[in-house]
Amino acid sequence: MNKLPKTVTKYFWGDNLKDLNWKDHKGYITKTILEKGDSGAIKWLVAKTGKNYIKKIARERKLEPKSKNFWRFYLS
């Protein structure tokens, strides 16, 4: 399933949702949800990817310092 649920699309108001899909933009979507997402979006992301993928993205992507520290603590 490449289409994003409505509970997640609200974080991509500046993007063309017709072009945004999970298959091609997995890292970008994950980073955005880690930075801006609410608990519902985070639950969807964890169910979709698993915690190991989130740990990987939190290390590799340039998250804001507050977000990076939060995810490092939360996922440890």
PDB file of N, CA and C in Angstrom:
ATOM      1  N   MET A   1       0.850  -1.184   0.000  1.00  0.00           N
ATOM      2  CA  MET A   1       0.000   0.000   0.000  1.00  0.00           C
ATOM      3  C   MET A   1       0.891   1.241   0.000  1.00  0.00           C
ATOM      4  N   ASN A   2       0.762   2.029  -1.020  1.00  0.00           N
ATOM      5  CA  ASN A   2       1.595   3.219  -1.154  1.00  0.00           C
ATOM      6  C   ASN A   2       0.904   4.492  -0.693  1.00  0.00           C
ATOM      7  N   LYS A   3      -0.421   4.481  -0.655  1.00  0.00           N
ATOM      8  CA  LYS A   3      -1.162   5.678  -0.293  1.00  0.00           C
ATOM      9  C   LYS A   3      -1.101   5.908   1.217  1.00  0.00           C
ATOM     10  N   LEU A   4      -0.959   7.164   1.602  1.00  0.00           N
ATOM     11  CA  LEU A   4      -0.877   7.509   3.018  1.00  0.00           C
ATOM     12  C   LEU A   4      -2.272   7.728   3.593  1.00  0.00           C
ATOM     13  N   PRO A   5      -2.490   7.340   4.856  1.00  0.00           N
ATOM     14  CA  PRO A   5      -3.794   7.576   5.475  1.00  0.00           C
ATOM     15  C   PRO A   5      -4.015   9.066   5.736  1.00  0.00           C
ATOM     16  N   LYS A   6      -5.268   9.467   5.808  1.00  0.00           N
ATOM     17  CA  LYS A   6      -5.599  10.882   6.020  1.00  0.00           C
ATOM     18  C   LYS A   6      -5.021  11.423   7.322  1.00  0.00           C
ATOM     19  N   THR A   7      -4.904  10.578   8.327  1.00  0.00           N
ATOM     20  CA  THR A   7      -4.350  11.034   9.605  1.00  0.00           C
ATOM     21  C   THR A   7      -2.884  11.425   9.482  1.00  0.00           C
ATOM     22  N   VAL A   8      -2.235  10.986   8.436  1.00  0.00           N
ATOM     23  CA  VAL A   8      -0.817  11.278   8.211  1.00  0.00           C
ATOM     24  C   VAL A   8      -0.632  12.395   7.187  1.00  0.00           C
ATOM     25  N   THR A   9      -1.516  12.497   6.217  1.00  0.00           N
ATOM     26  CA  THR A   9      -1.328  13.471   5.133  1.00  0.00           C
ATOM     27  C   THR A   9      -1.345  14.919   5.607  1.00  0.00           C
ATOM     28  N   LYS A  10      -1.942  15.190   6.754  1.00  0.00           N
ATOM     29  CA  LYS A  10      -1.992  16.576   7.243  1.00  0.00           C
ATOM     30  C   LYS A  10      -0.607  17.166   7.502  1.00  0.00           C
ATOM     31  N   TYR A  11       0.402  16.319   7.632  1.00  0.00           N
ATOM     32  CA  TYR A  11       1.759  16.799   7.869  1.00  0.00           C
ATOM     33  C   TYR A  11       2.497  17.129   6.574  1.00  0.00           C
ATOM     34  N   PHE A  12       1.851  16.914   5.465  1.00  0.00           N
ATOM     35  CA  PHE A  12       2.477  17.133   4.157  1.00  0.00           C
ATOM     36  C   PHE A  12       1.695  18.172   3.354  1.00  0.00           C
ATOM     37  N   TRP A  13       1.257  19.212   4.042  1.00  0.00           N
ATOM     38  CA  TRP A  13       0.447  20.246   3.415  1.00  0.00           C
ATOM     39  C   TRP A  13       1.191  20.976   2.301  1.00  0.00           C
ATOM     40  N   GLY A  14       2.490  21.002   2.328  1.00  0.00           N
ATOM     41  CA  GLY A  14       3.268  21.691   1.299  1.00  0.00           C
ATOM     42  C   GLY A  14       3.667  20.807   0.134  1.00  0.00           C
ATOM     43  N   ASP A  15       3.283  19.543   0.193  1.00  0.00           N
ATOM     44  CA  ASP A  15       3.653  18.583  -0.849  1.00  0.00           C
ATOM     45  C   ASP A  15       2.449  18.240  -1.713  1.00  0.00           C
ATOM     46  N   ASN A  16       2.720  17.840  -2.931  1.00  0.00           N
ATOM     47  CA  ASN A  16       1.663  17.352  -3.806  1.00  0.00           C
ATOM     48  C   ASN A  16       1.366  15.906  -3.413  1.00  0.00           C
ATOM     49  N   LEU A  17       0.230  15.688  -2.788  1.00  0.00           N
ATOM     50  CA  LEU A  17      -0.103  14.355  -2.278  1.00  0.00           C
ATOM     51  C   LEU A  17      -0.295  13.329  -3.389  1.00  0.00           C
ATOM     52  N   LYS A  18      -0.555  13.788  -4.596  1.00  0.00           N
ATOM     53  CA  LYS A  18      -0.677  12.850  -5.722  1.00  0.00           C
ATOM     54  C   LYS A  18       0.674  12.228  -6.060  1.00  0.00           C
ATOM     55  N   ASP A  19       1.742  12.973  -5.818  1.00  0.00           N
ATOM     56  CA  ASP A  19       3.090  12.479  -6.119  1.00  0.00           C
ATOM     57  C   ASP A  19       3.762  11.799  -4.932  1.00  0.00           C
ATOM     58  N   LEU A  20       3.271  12.051  -3.732  1.00  0.00           N
ATOM     59  CA  LEU A  20       3.886  11.514  -2.517  1.00  0.00           C
ATOM     60  C   LEU A  20       3.355  10.110  -2.244  1.00  0.00           C
ATOM     61  N   ASN A  21       4.264   9.152  -2.192  1.00  0.00           N
ATOM     62  CA  ASN A  21       3.849   7.780  -1.893  1.00  0.00           C
ATOM     63  C   ASN A  21       4.906   7.104  -1.039  1.00  0.00           C
ATOM     64  N   TRP A  22       4.487   6.062  -0.358  1.00  0.00           N
ATOM     65  CA  TRP A  22       5.359   5.358   0.581  1.00  0.00           C
ATOM     66  C   TRP A  22       6.549   4.720  -0.114  1.00  0.00           C
ATOM     67  N   LYS A  23       6.311   4.098  -1.238  1.00  0.00           N
ATOM     68  CA  LYS A  23       7.377   3.368  -1.932  1.00  0.00           C
ATOM     69  C   LYS A  23       8.550   4.282  -2.294  1.00  0.00           C
ATOM     70  N   ASP A  24       8.257   5.443  -2.833  1.00  0.00           N
ATOM     71  CA  ASP A  24       9.306   6.341  -3.318  1.00  0.00           C
ATOM     72  C   ASP A  24       9.824   7.330  -2.273  1.00  0.00           C
ATOM     73  N   HIS A  25       9.057   7.577  -1.229  1.00  0.00           N
ATOM     74  CA  HIS A  25       9.399   8.644  -0.285  1.00  0.00           C
ATOM     75  C   HIS A  25       9.398   8.178   1.173  1.00  0.00           C
ATOM     76  N   LYS A  26       9.716   6.932   1.385  1.00  0.00           N
ATOM     77  CA  LYS A  26       9.676   6.329   2.725  1.00  0.00           C
ATOM     78  C   LYS A  26      10.510   7.112   3.747  1.00  0.00           C
ATOM     79  N   GLY A  27      11.741   7.463   3.400  1.00  0.00           N
ATOM     80  CA  GLY A  27      12.611   8.195   4.322  1.00  0.00           C
ATOM     81  C   GLY A  27      12.086   9.579   4.650  1.00  0.00           C
ATOM     82  N   TYR A  28      11.641  10.294   3.638  1.00  0.00           N
ATOM     83  CA  TYR A  28      11.097  11.642   3.833  1.00  0.00           C
ATOM     84  C   TYR A  28       9.843  11.603   4.700  1.00  0.00           C
ATOM     85  N   ILE A  29       8.959  10.671   4.420  1.00  0.00           N
ATOM     86  CA  ILE A  29       7.724  10.540   5.193  1.00  0.00           C
ATOM     87  C   ILE A  29       8.053  10.210   6.647  1.00  0.00           C
ATOM     88  N   THR A  30       8.962   9.283   6.847  1.00  0.00           N
ATOM     89  CA  THR A  30       9.350   8.894   8.201  1.00  0.00           C
ATOM     90  C   THR A  30       9.942  10.077   8.955  1.00  0.00           C
ATOM     91  N   LYS A  31      10.864  10.783   8.340  1.00  0.00           N
ATOM     92  CA  LYS A  31      11.499  11.938   8.991  1.00  0.00           C
ATOM     93  C   LYS A  31      10.462  12.991   9.360  1.00  0.00           C
ATOM     94  N   THR A  32       9.546  13.281   8.450  1.00  0.00           N
ATOM     95  CA  THR A  32       8.526  14.290   8.710  1.00  0.00           C
ATOM     96  C   THR A  32       7.640  13.888   9.876  1.00  0.00           C
ATOM     97  N   ILE A  33       7.235  12.629   9.916  1.00  0.00           N
ATOM     98  CA  ILE A  33       6.391  12.172  11.024  1.00  0.00           C
ATOM     99  C   ILE A  33       7.170  12.192  12.337  1.00  0.00           C
ATOM    100  N   LEU A  34       8.430  11.815  12.312  1.00  0.00           N
ATOM    101  CA  LEU A  34       9.235  11.866  13.534  1.00  0.00           C
ATOM    102  C   LEU A  34       9.393  13.298  14.041  1.00  0.00           C
ATOM    103  N   GLU A  35       9.430  14.258  13.138  1.00  0.00           N
ATOM    104  CA  GLU A  35       9.580  15.665  13.515  1.00  0.00           C
ATOM    105  C   GLU A  35       8.257  16.296  13.948  1.00  0.00           C
ATOM    106  N   LYS A  36       7.162  15.963  13.260  1.00  0.00           N
ATOM    107  CA  LYS A  36       5.919  16.717  13.421  1.00  0.00           C
ATOM    108  C   LYS A  36       4.712  15.894  13.851  1.00  0.00           C
ATOM    109  N   GLY A  37       4.819  14.583  13.795  1.00  0.00           N
ATOM    110  CA  GLY A  37       3.654  13.726  13.977  1.00  0.00           C
ATOM    111  C   GLY A  37       3.093  13.678  15.383  1.00  0.00           C
ATOM    112  N   ASP A  38       1.787  13.414  15.452  1.00  0.00           N
ATOM    113  CA  ASP A  38       1.135  13.199  16.739  1.00  0.00           C
ATOM    114  C   ASP A  38       1.161  11.705  17.062  1.00  0.00           C
ATOM    115  N   SER A  39       0.542  11.322  18.162  1.00  0.00           N
ATOM    116  CA  SER A  39       0.617   9.917  18.585  1.00  0.00           C
ATOM    117  C   SER A  39      -0.015   8.975  17.565  1.00  0.00           C
ATOM    118  N   GLY A  40      -1.082   9.403  16.906  1.00  0.00           N
ATOM    119  CA  GLY A  40      -1.706   8.560  15.882  1.00  0.00           C
ATOM    120  C   GLY A  40      -0.792   8.319  14.697  1.00  0.00           C
ATOM    121  N   ALA A  41      -0.110   9.356  14.257  1.00  0.00           N
ATOM    122  CA  ALA A  41       0.819   9.221  13.130  1.00  0.00           C
ATOM    123  C   ALA A  41       2.010   8.348  13.517  1.00  0.00           C
ATOM    124  N   ILE A  42       2.480   8.500  14.746  1.00  0.00           N
ATOM    125  CA  ILE A  42       3.608   7.687  15.217  1.00  0.00           C
ATOM    126  C   ILE A  42       3.202   6.221  15.299  1.00  0.00           C
ATOM    127  N   LYS A  43       2.007   5.946  15.812  1.00  0.00           N
ATOM    128  CA  LYS A  43       1.524   4.558  15.887  1.00  0.00           C
ATOM    129  C   LYS A  43       1.448   3.944  14.497  1.00  0.00           C
ATOM    130  N   TRP A  44       0.945   4.709  13.536  1.00  0.00           N
ATOM    131  CA  TRP A  44       0.869   4.216  12.157  1.00  0.00           C
ATOM    132  C   TRP A  44       2.272   3.916  11.637  1.00  0.00           C
ATOM    133  N   LEU A  45       3.199   4.822  11.894  1.00  0.00           N
ATOM    134  CA  LEU A  45       4.571   4.658  11.414  1.00  0.00           C
ATOM    135  C   LEU A  45       5.239   3.430  12.027  1.00  0.00           C
ATOM    136  N   VAL A  46       5.087   3.236  13.318  1.00  0.00           N
ATOM    137  CA  VAL A  46       5.687   2.072  13.980  1.00  0.00           C
ATOM    138  C   VAL A  46       5.079   0.785  13.434  1.00  0.00           C
ATOM    139  N   ALA A  47       3.763   0.774  13.236  1.00  0.00           N
ATOM    140  CA  ALA A  47       3.112  -0.420  12.680  1.00  0.00           C
ATOM    141  C   ALA A  47       3.579  -0.688  11.254  1.00  0.00           C
ATOM    142  N   LYS A  48       3.829   0.363  10.506  1.00  0.00           N
ATOM    143  CA  LYS A  48       4.231   0.244   9.100  1.00  0.00           C
ATOM    144  C   LYS A  48       5.693  -0.188   8.956  1.00  0.00           C
ATOM    145  N   THR A  49       6.556   0.315   9.831  1.00  0.00           N
ATOM    146  CA  THR A  49       7.994   0.117   9.630  1.00  0.00           C
ATOM    147  C   THR A  49       8.687  -0.714  10.693  1.00  0.00           C
ATOM    148  N   GLY A  50       8.214  -0.639  11.916  1.00  0.00           N
ATOM    149  CA  GLY A  50       8.907  -1.277  13.031  1.00  0.00           C
ATOM    150  C   GLY A  50       9.906  -0.321  13.658  1.00  0.00           C
ATOM    151  N   LYS A  51      10.256  -0.580  14.892  1.00  0.00           N
ATOM    152  CA  LYS A  51      11.150   0.324  15.629  1.00  0.00           C
ATOM    153  C   LYS A  51      12.567   0.341  15.078  1.00  0.00           C
ATOM    154  N   ASN A  52      13.041  -0.770  14.544  1.00  0.00           N
ATOM    155  CA  ASN A  52      14.417  -0.795  14.024  1.00  0.00           C
ATOM    156  C   ASN A  52      14.604   0.176  12.869  1.00  0.00           C
ATOM    157  N   TYR A  53      13.626   0.254  11.974  1.00  0.00           N
ATOM    158  CA  TYR A  53      13.722   1.203  10.862  1.00  0.00           C
ATOM    159  C   TYR A  53      13.710   2.639  11.393  1.00  0.00           C
ATOM    160  N   ILE A  54      12.870   2.901  12.378  1.00  0.00           N
ATOM    161  CA  ILE A  54      12.802   4.246  12.947  1.00  0.00           C
ATOM    162  C   ILE A  54      14.134   4.609  13.601  1.00  0.00           C
ATOM    163  N   LYS A  55      14.746   3.672  14.305  1.00  0.00           N
ATOM    164  CA  LYS A  55      16.066   3.915  14.894  1.00  0.00           C
ATOM    165  C   LYS A  55      17.077   4.277  13.813  1.00  0.00           C
ATOM    166  N   LYS A  56      17.036   3.547  12.718  1.00  0.00           N
ATOM    167  CA  LYS A  56      17.959   3.791  11.607  1.00  0.00           C
ATOM    168  C   LYS A  56      17.760   5.193  11.034  1.00  0.00           C
ATOM    169  N   ILE A  57      16.537   5.560  10.776  1.00  0.00           N
ATOM    170  CA  ILE A  57      16.244   6.879  10.207  1.00  0.00           C
ATOM    171  C   ILE A  57      16.619   7.982  11.191  1.00  0.00           C
ATOM    172  N   ALA A  58      16.332   7.764  12.467  1.00  0.00           N
ATOM    173  CA  ALA A  58      16.667   8.773  13.478  1.00  0.00           C
ATOM    174  C   ALA A  58      18.174   9.005  13.539  1.00  0.00           C
ATOM    175  N   ARG A  59      18.965   7.983  13.262  1.00  0.00           N
ATOM    176  CA  ARG A  59      20.428   8.133  13.242  1.00  0.00           C
ATOM    177  C   ARG A  59      20.910   8.765  11.940  1.00  0.00           C
ATOM    178  N   GLU A  60      20.347   8.339  10.820  1.00  0.00           N
ATOM    179  CA  GLU A  60      20.879   8.727   9.511  1.00  0.00           C
ATOM    180  C   GLU A  60      20.365  10.065   9.002  1.00  0.00           C
ATOM    181  N   ARG A  61      19.126  10.377   9.260  1.00  0.00           N
ATOM    182  CA  ARG A  61      18.547  11.623   8.751  1.00  0.00           C
ATOM    183  C   ARG A  61      18.866  12.768   9.696  1.00  0.00           C
ATOM    184  N   LYS A  62      18.898  13.947   9.149  1.00  0.00           N
ATOM    185  CA  LYS A  62      19.192  15.122   9.962  1.00  0.00           C
ATOM    186  C   LYS A  62      17.906  15.620  10.617  1.00  0.00           C
ATOM    187  N   LEU A  63      17.640  15.088  11.793  1.00  0.00           N
ATOM    188  CA  LEU A  63      16.500  15.537  12.577  1.00  0.00           C
ATOM    189  C   LEU A  63      16.904  16.761  13.385  1.00  0.00           C
ATOM    190  N   GLU A  64      15.908  17.552  13.767  1.00  0.00           N
ATOM    191  CA  GLU A  64      16.165  18.659  14.675  1.00  0.00           C
ATOM    192  C   GLU A  64      16.747  18.088  15.968  1.00  0.00           C
ATOM    193  N   PRO A  65      17.643  18.817  16.630  1.00  0.00           N
ATOM    194  CA  PRO A  65      18.278  18.281  17.839  1.00  0.00           C
ATOM    195  C   PRO A  65      17.289  17.783  18.896  1.00  0.00           C
ATOM    196  N   LYS A  66      16.199  18.530  19.129  1.00  0.00           N
ATOM    197  CA  LYS A  66      15.212  18.093  20.121  1.00  0.00           C
ATOM    198  C   LYS A  66      14.573  16.775  19.712  1.00  0.00           C
ATOM    199  N   SER A  67      14.225  16.663  18.450  1.00  0.00           N
ATOM    200  CA  SER A  67      13.613  15.423  17.959  1.00  0.00           C
ATOM    201  C   SER A  67      14.593  14.264  18.038  1.00  0.00           C
ATOM    202  N   LYS A  68      15.809  14.511  17.639  1.00  0.00           N
ATOM    203  CA  LYS A  68      16.825  13.456  17.663  1.00  0.00           C
ATOM    204  C   LYS A  68      17.045  12.944  19.088  1.00  0.00           C
ATOM    205  N   ASN A  69      17.158  13.862  20.040  1.00  0.00           N
ATOM    206  CA  ASN A  69      17.338  13.458  21.433  1.00  0.00           C
ATOM    207  C   ASN A  69      16.132  12.691  21.953  1.00  0.00           C
ATOM    208  N   PHE A  70      14.934  13.170  21.611  1.00  0.00           N
ATOM    209  CA  PHE A  70      13.727  12.476  22.050  1.00  0.00           C
ATOM    210  C   PHE A  70      13.711  11.052  21.529  1.00  0.00           C
ATOM    211  N   TRP A  71      13.926  10.853  20.233  1.00  0.00           N
ATOM    212  CA  TRP A  71      13.847   9.513  19.645  1.00  0.00           C
ATOM    213  C   TRP A  71      14.972   8.617  20.130  1.00  0.00           C
ATOM    214  N   ARG A  72      16.125   9.177  20.362  1.00  0.00           N
ATOM    215  CA  ARG A  72      17.225   8.372  20.901  1.00  0.00           C
ATOM    216  C   ARG A  72      16.854   7.843  22.291  1.00  0.00           C
ATOM    217  N   PHE A  73      16.273   8.694  23.120  1.00  0.00           N
ATOM    218  CA  PHE A  73      15.850   8.290  24.459  1.00  0.00           C
ATOM    219  C   PHE A  73      14.670   7.321  24.387  1.00  0.00           C
ATOM    220  N   TYR A  74      13.674   7.658  23.599  1.00  0.00           N
ATOM    221  CA  TYR A  74      12.445   6.864  23.511  1.00  0.00           C
ATOM    222  C   TYR A  74      12.711   5.460  22.975  1.00  0.00           C
ATOM    223  N   LEU A  75      13.596   5.342  22.027  1.00  0.00           N
ATOM    224  CA  LEU A  75      13.848   4.047  21.382  1.00  0.00           C
ATOM    225  C   LEU A  75      14.965   3.244  22.042  1.00  0.00           C
ATOM    226  N   SER A  76      15.565   3.777  23.085  1.00  0.00           N
ATOM    227  CA  SER A  76      16.657   3.034  23.737  1.00  0.00           C
ATOM    228  C   SER A  76      16.143   1.992  24.718  1.00  0.00           C
TER     229      SER A  76
END
